[in-house]
Amino acid sequence: MAKAKVHSGAAKRFKKTANGLKRKSAYKSHILTKMTTKRKRQLRGTSLVNERDVPAVKRMLREI
């Protein structure tokens, strides 16, 4: 039987940590010239995935 594949898009976006699943803020990839400096600064860094989304992300990462 074939191995179950990990969702490659999810594998690039989420990282498993001791406290949960880490993710980056959205809206920080391109067309940043019209965004204020304050907004860009607030979008820096990472945060944890919401507890309601954790089961779906774990399923994509094959961590059931």
PDB file of N, CA and C in Angstrom:
ATOM      1  N   MET A   1       0.839  -1.186   0.000  1.00  0.00           N
ATOM      2  CA  MET A   1       0.000   0.000   0.000  1.00  0.00           C
ATOM      3  C   MET A   1       0.887   1.254   0.000  1.00  0.00           C
ATOM      4  N   ALA A   2       0.440   2.265  -0.721  1.00  0.00           N
ATOM      5  CA  ALA A   2       1.226   3.492  -0.835  1.00  0.00           C
ATOM      6  C   ALA A   2       1.207   4.285   0.470  1.00  0.00           C
ATOM      7  N   LYS A   3       2.268   5.058   0.680  1.00  0.00           N
ATOM      8  CA  LYS A   3       2.331   5.906   1.863  1.00  0.00           C
ATOM      9  C   LYS A   3       1.372   7.082   1.690  1.00  0.00           C
ATOM     10  N   ALA A   4       0.784   7.532   2.798  1.00  0.00           N
ATOM     11  CA  ALA A   4      -0.089   8.703   2.758  1.00  0.00           C
ATOM     12  C   ALA A   4       0.776   9.950   2.587  1.00  0.00           C
ATOM     13  N   LYS A   5       0.389  10.796   1.643  1.00  0.00           N
ATOM     14  CA  LYS A   5       1.186  11.978   1.354  1.00  0.00           C
ATOM     15  C   LYS A   5       0.742  13.161   2.215  1.00  0.00           C
ATOM     16  N   VAL A   6       1.708  13.961   2.585  1.00  0.00           N
ATOM     17  CA  VAL A   6       1.439  15.184   3.328  1.00  0.00           C
ATOM     18  C   VAL A   6       0.985  16.252   2.341  1.00  0.00           C
ATOM     19  N   HIS A   7       0.059  17.122   2.745  1.00  0.00           N
ATOM     20  CA  HIS A   7      -0.394  18.239   1.918  1.00  0.00           C
ATOM     21  C   HIS A   7       0.774  19.213   1.794  1.00  0.00           C
ATOM     22  N   SER A   8       1.345  19.322   0.585  1.00  0.00           N
ATOM     23  CA  SER A   8       2.588  20.071   0.423  1.00  0.00           C
ATOM     24  C   SER A   8       2.407  21.558   0.727  1.00  0.00           C
ATOM     25  N   GLY A   9       1.233  22.113   0.439  1.00  0.00           N
ATOM     26  CA  GLY A   9       0.975  23.520   0.754  1.00  0.00           C
ATOM     27  C   GLY A   9       0.946  23.758   2.249  1.00  0.00           C
ATOM     28  N   ALA A  10       0.333  22.834   2.989  1.00  0.00           N
ATOM     29  CA  ALA A  10       0.264  22.961   4.442  1.00  0.00           C
ATOM     30  C   ALA A  10       1.635  22.745   5.067  1.00  0.00           C
ATOM     31  N   ALA A  11       2.424  21.850   4.493  1.00  0.00           N
ATOM     32  CA  ALA A  11       3.750  21.565   5.029  1.00  0.00           C
ATOM     33  C   ALA A  11       4.649  22.800   4.956  1.00  0.00           C
ATOM     34  N   LYS A  12       4.430  23.648   3.936  1.00  0.00           N
ATOM     35  CA  LYS A  12       5.223  24.861   3.790  1.00  0.00           C
ATOM     36  C   LYS A  12       4.770  25.952   4.749  1.00  0.00           C
ATOM     37  N   ARG A  13       3.520  25.909   5.174  1.00  0.00           N
ATOM     38  CA  ARG A  13       2.943  27.015   5.933  1.00  0.00           C
ATOM     39  C   ARG A  13       2.891  26.813   7.440  1.00  0.00           C
ATOM     40  N   PHE A  14       2.890  25.568   7.895  1.00  0.00           N
ATOM     41  CA  PHE A  14       2.735  25.293   9.325  1.00  0.00           C
ATOM     42  C   PHE A  14       3.921  24.506   9.852  1.00  0.00           C
ATOM     43  N   LYS A  15       4.272  24.759  11.111  1.00  0.00           N
ATOM     44  CA  LYS A  15       5.364  24.050  11.761  1.00  0.00           C
ATOM     45  C   LYS A  15       4.885  23.597  13.133  1.00  0.00           C
ATOM     46  N   LYS A  16       5.159  22.342  13.469  1.00  0.00           N
ATOM     47  CA  LYS A  16       4.743  21.803  14.750  1.00  0.00           C
ATOM     48  C   LYS A  16       5.710  22.259  15.842  1.00  0.00           C
ATOM     49  N   THR A  17       5.170  22.754  16.961  1.00  0.00           N
ATOM     50  CA  THR A  17       5.979  23.153  18.110  1.00  0.00           C
ATOM     51  C   THR A  17       5.447  22.448  19.346  1.00  0.00           C
ATOM     52  N   ALA A  18       6.089  22.678  20.485  1.00  0.00           N
ATOM     53  CA  ALA A  18       5.650  22.052  21.738  1.00  0.00           C
ATOM     54  C   ALA A  18       4.292  22.578  22.178  1.00  0.00           C
ATOM     55  N   ASN A  19       3.999  23.835  21.840  1.00  0.00           N
ATOM     56  CA  ASN A  19       2.740  24.454  22.278  1.00  0.00           C
ATOM     57  C   ASN A  19       1.607  24.312  21.275  1.00  0.00           C
ATOM     58  N   GLY A  20       1.890  23.868  20.077  1.00  0.00           N
ATOM     59  CA  GLY A  20       0.841  23.739  19.068  1.00  0.00           C
ATOM     60  C   GLY A  20       1.433  23.854  17.682  1.00  0.00           C
ATOM     61  N   LEU A  21       0.679  24.462  16.776  1.00  0.00           N
ATOM     62  CA  LEU A  21       1.122  24.638  15.401  1.00  0.00           C
ATOM     63  C   LEU A  21       1.374  26.115  15.142  1.00  0.00           C
ATOM     64  N   LYS A  22       2.552  26.420  14.618  1.00  0.00           N
ATOM     65  CA  LYS A  22       2.971  27.788  14.378  1.00  0.00           C
ATOM     66  C   LYS A  22       2.596  28.178  12.955  1.00  0.00           C
ATOM     67  N   ARG A  23       2.187  29.448  12.787  1.00  0.00           N
ATOM     68  CA  ARG A  23       1.856  29.959  11.463  1.00  0.00           C
ATOM     69  C   ARG A  23       2.324  31.396  11.341  1.00  0.00           C
ATOM     70  N   LYS A  24       2.458  31.854  10.094  1.00  0.00           N
ATOM     71  CA  LYS A  24       2.858  33.226   9.805  1.00  0.00           C
ATOM     72  C   LYS A  24       1.601  34.056   9.543  1.00  0.00           C
ATOM     73  N   SER A  25       1.688  35.364   9.731  1.00  0.00           N
ATOM     74  CA  SER A  25       0.564  36.255   9.450  1.00  0.00           C
ATOM     75  C   SER A  25       0.318  36.347   7.954  1.00  0.00           C
ATOM     76  N   ALA A  26      -0.939  36.507   7.578  1.00  0.00           N
ATOM     77  CA  ALA A  26      -1.310  36.665   6.172  1.00  0.00           C
ATOM     78  C   ALA A  26      -1.119  38.113   5.740  1.00  0.00           C
ATOM     79  N   TYR A  27      -1.254  38.374   4.444  1.00  0.00           N
ATOM     80  CA  TYR A  27      -1.180  39.718   3.851  1.00  0.00           C
ATOM     81  C   TYR A  27       0.198  40.354   4.006  1.00  0.00           C
ATOM     82  N   LYS A  28       1.260  39.568   3.935  1.00  0.00           N
ATOM     83  CA  LYS A  28       2.605  40.119   4.117  1.00  0.00           C
ATOM     84  C   LYS A  28       3.532  39.622   3.017  1.00  0.00           C
ATOM     85  N   SER A  29       3.007  39.387   1.813  1.00  0.00           N
ATOM     86  CA  SER A  29       3.844  38.813   0.772  1.00  0.00           C
ATOM     87  C   SER A  29       4.184  39.780  -0.358  1.00  0.00           C
ATOM     88  N   HIS A  30       3.234  40.568  -0.850  1.00  0.00           N
ATOM     89  CA  HIS A  30       3.527  41.483  -1.955  1.00  0.00           C
ATOM     90  C   HIS A  30       2.553  42.655  -1.933  1.00  0.00           C
ATOM     91  N   ILE A  31       2.818  43.661  -2.740  1.00  0.00           N
ATOM     92  CA  ILE A  31       2.079  44.936  -2.784  1.00  0.00           C
ATOM     93  C   ILE A  31       2.040  45.548  -1.393  1.00  0.00           C
ATOM     94  N   LEU A  32       3.227  45.727  -0.824  1.00  0.00           N
ATOM     95  CA  LEU A  32       3.328  46.280   0.527  1.00  0.00           C
ATOM     96  C   LEU A  32       3.509  47.794   0.518  1.00  0.00           C
ATOM     97  N   THR A  33       3.624  48.403  -0.661  1.00  0.00           N
ATOM     98  CA  THR A  33       3.870  49.842  -0.724  1.00  0.00           C
ATOM     99  C   THR A  33       2.671  50.641  -0.236  1.00  0.00           C
ATOM    100  N   LYS A  34       1.466  50.157  -0.479  1.00  0.00           N
ATOM    101  CA  LYS A  34       0.277  50.892  -0.044  1.00  0.00           C
ATOM    102  C   LYS A  34      -0.073  50.625   1.426  1.00  0.00           C
ATOM    103  N   MET A  35       0.590  49.662   2.046  1.00  0.00           N
ATOM    104  CA  MET A  35       0.306  49.330   3.449  1.00  0.00           C
ATOM    105  C   MET A  35       1.143  50.223   4.371  1.00  0.00           C
ATOM    106  N   THR A  36       0.535  50.662   5.461  1.00  0.00           N
ATOM    107  CA  THR A  36       1.252  51.528   6.384  1.00  0.00           C
ATOM    108  C   THR A  36       2.348  50.754   7.110  1.00  0.00           C
ATOM    109  N   THR A  37       3.335  51.477   7.592  1.00  0.00           N
ATOM    110  CA  THR A  37       4.448  50.863   8.315  1.00  0.00           C
ATOM    111  C   THR A  37       3.945  50.179   9.575  1.00  0.00           C
ATOM    112  N   LYS A  38       2.973  50.801  10.235  1.00  0.00           N
ATOM    113  CA  LYS A  38       2.413  50.221  11.460  1.00  0.00           C
ATOM    114  C   LYS A  38       1.782  48.862  11.171  1.00  0.00           C
ATOM    115  N   ARG A  39       1.041  48.769  10.073  1.00  0.00           N
ATOM    116  CA  ARG A  39       0.371  47.512   9.708  1.00  0.00           C
ATOM    117  C   ARG A  39       1.389  46.419   9.402  1.00  0.00           C
ATOM    118  N   LYS A  40       2.419  46.780   8.646  1.00  0.00           N
ATOM    119  CA  LYS A  40       3.452  45.802   8.299  1.00  0.00           C
ATOM    120  C   LYS A  40       4.189  45.322   9.547  1.00  0.00           C
ATOM    121  N   ARG A  41       4.435  46.228  10.477  1.00  0.00           N
ATOM    122  CA  ARG A  41       5.118  45.878  11.718  1.00  0.00           C
ATOM    123  C   ARG A  41       4.256  44.921  12.547  1.00  0.00           C
ATOM    124  N   GLN A  42       2.952  45.156  12.578  1.00  0.00           N
ATOM    125  CA  GLN A  42       2.057  44.292  13.353  1.00  0.00           C
ATOM    126  C   GLN A  42       1.905  42.906  12.743  1.00  0.00           C
ATOM    127  N   LEU A  43       2.163  42.789  11.446  1.00  0.00           N
ATOM    128  CA  LEU A  43       2.051  41.494  10.772  1.00  0.00           C
ATOM    129  C   LEU A  43       3.328  40.664  10.875  1.00  0.00           C
ATOM    130  N   ARG A  44       4.372  41.237  11.476  1.00  0.00           N
ATOM    131  CA  ARG A  44       5.623  40.490  11.648  1.00  0.00           C
ATOM    132  C   ARG A  44       5.450  39.347  12.629  1.00  0.00           C
ATOM    133  N   GLY A  45       6.370  38.398  12.558  1.00  0.00           N
ATOM    134  CA  GLY A  45       6.390  37.328  13.543  1.00  0.00           C
ATOM    135  C   GLY A  45       5.387  36.224  13.259  1.00  0.00           C
ATOM    136  N   THR A  46       5.239  35.338  14.230  1.00  0.00           N
ATOM    137  CA  THR A  46       4.367  34.183  14.067  1.00  0.00           C
ATOM    138  C   THR A  46       3.372  34.110  15.205  1.00  0.00           C
ATOM    139  N   SER A  47       2.342  33.304  15.012  1.00  0.00           N
ATOM    140  CA  SER A  47       1.364  33.053  16.066  1.00  0.00           C
ATOM    141  C   SER A  47       0.922  31.603  15.951  1.00  0.00           C
ATOM    142  N   LEU A  48       0.125  31.147  16.898  1.00  0.00           N
ATOM    143  CA  LEU A  48      -0.331  29.767  16.896  1.00  0.00           C
ATOM    144  C   LEU A  48      -1.630  29.644  16.120  1.00  0.00           C
ATOM    145  N   VAL A  49      -1.858  28.480  15.538  1.00  0.00           N
ATOM    146  CA  VAL A  49      -3.087  28.196  14.813  1.00  0.00           C
ATOM    147  C   VAL A  49      -4.229  28.121  15.824  1.00  0.00           C
ATOM    148  N   ASN A  50      -5.382  28.684  15.472  1.00  0.00           N
ATOM    149  CA  ASN A  50      -6.552  28.659  16.335  1.00  0.00           C
ATOM    150  C   ASN A  50      -6.953  27.218  16.638  1.00  0.00           C
ATOM    151  N   GLU A  51      -7.439  26.993  17.852  1.00  0.00           N
ATOM    152  CA  GLU A  51      -7.755  25.620  18.285  1.00  0.00           C
ATOM    153  C   GLU A  51      -8.820  24.955  17.420  1.00  0.00           C
ATOM    154  N   ARG A  52      -9.701  25.744  16.811  1.00  0.00           N
ATOM    155  CA  ARG A  52     -10.732  25.172  15.936  1.00  0.00           C
ATOM    156  C   ARG A  52     -10.153  24.700  14.610  1.00  0.00           C
ATOM    157  N   ASP A  53      -9.032  25.267  14.195  1.00  0.00           N
ATOM    158  CA  ASP A  53      -8.414  24.886  12.932  1.00  0.00           C
ATOM    159  C   ASP A  53      -7.369  23.792  13.078  1.00  0.00           C
ATOM    160  N   VAL A  54      -6.974  23.491  14.304  1.00  0.00           N
ATOM    161  CA  VAL A  54      -5.907  22.511  14.549  1.00  0.00           C
ATOM    162  C   VAL A  54      -6.234  21.133  13.960  1.00  0.00           C
ATOM    163  N   PRO A  55      -7.455  20.582  14.157  1.00  0.00           N
ATOM    164  CA  PRO A  55      -7.724  19.255  13.576  1.00  0.00           C
ATOM    165  C   PRO A  55      -7.561  19.203  12.060  1.00  0.00           C
ATOM    166  N   ALA A  56      -7.989  20.250  11.358  1.00  0.00           N
ATOM    167  CA  ALA A  56      -7.869  20.268   9.900  1.00  0.00           C
ATOM    168  C   ALA A  56      -6.408  20.336   9.475  1.00  0.00           C
ATOM    169  N   VAL A  57      -5.617  21.152  10.163  1.00  0.00           N
ATOM    170  CA  VAL A  57      -4.202  21.278   9.813  1.00  0.00           C
ATOM    171  C   VAL A  57      -3.470  19.983  10.123  1.00  0.00           C
ATOM    172  N   LYS A  58      -3.781  19.370  11.254  1.00  0.00           N
ATOM    173  CA  LYS A  58      -3.140  18.099  11.604  1.00  0.00           C
ATOM    174  C   LYS A  58      -3.470  17.015  10.578  1.00  0.00           C
ATOM    175  N   ARG A  59      -4.690  17.041  10.072  1.00  0.00           N
ATOM    176  CA  ARG A  59      -5.085  16.061   9.063  1.00  0.00           C
ATOM    177  C   ARG A  59      -4.281  16.271   7.782  1.00  0.00           C
ATOM    178  N   MET A  60      -4.052  17.535   7.418  1.00  0.00           N
ATOM    179  CA  MET A  60      -3.254  17.826   6.219  1.00  0.00           C
ATOM    180  C   MET A  60      -1.787  17.424   6.417  1.00  0.00           C
ATOM    181  N   LEU A  61      -1.296  17.560   7.651  1.00  0.00           N
ATOM    182  CA  LEU A  61       0.091  17.200   7.938  1.00  0.00           C
ATOM    183  C   LEU A  61       0.248  15.733   8.322  1.00  0.00           C
ATOM    184  N   ARG A  62      -0.833  14.988   8.292  1.00  0.00           N
ATOM    185  CA  ARG A  62      -0.844  13.558   8.634  1.00  0.00           C
ATOM    186  C   ARG A  62      -0.354  13.311  10.060  1.00  0.00           C
ATOM    187  N   GLU A  63      -0.843  14.104  11.012  1.00  0.00           N
ATOM    188  CA  GLU A  63      -0.496  13.931  12.425  1.00  0.00           C
ATOM    189  C   GLU A  63      -1.733  13.545  13.230  1.00  0.00           C
ATOM    190  N   ILE A  64      -2.477  12.598  12.736  1.00  0.00           N
ATOM    191  CA  ILE A  64      -3.732  12.220  13.379  1.00  0.00           C
ATOM    192  C   ILE A  64      -3.457  11.357  14.603  1.00  0.00           C
TER     193      ILE A  64
END
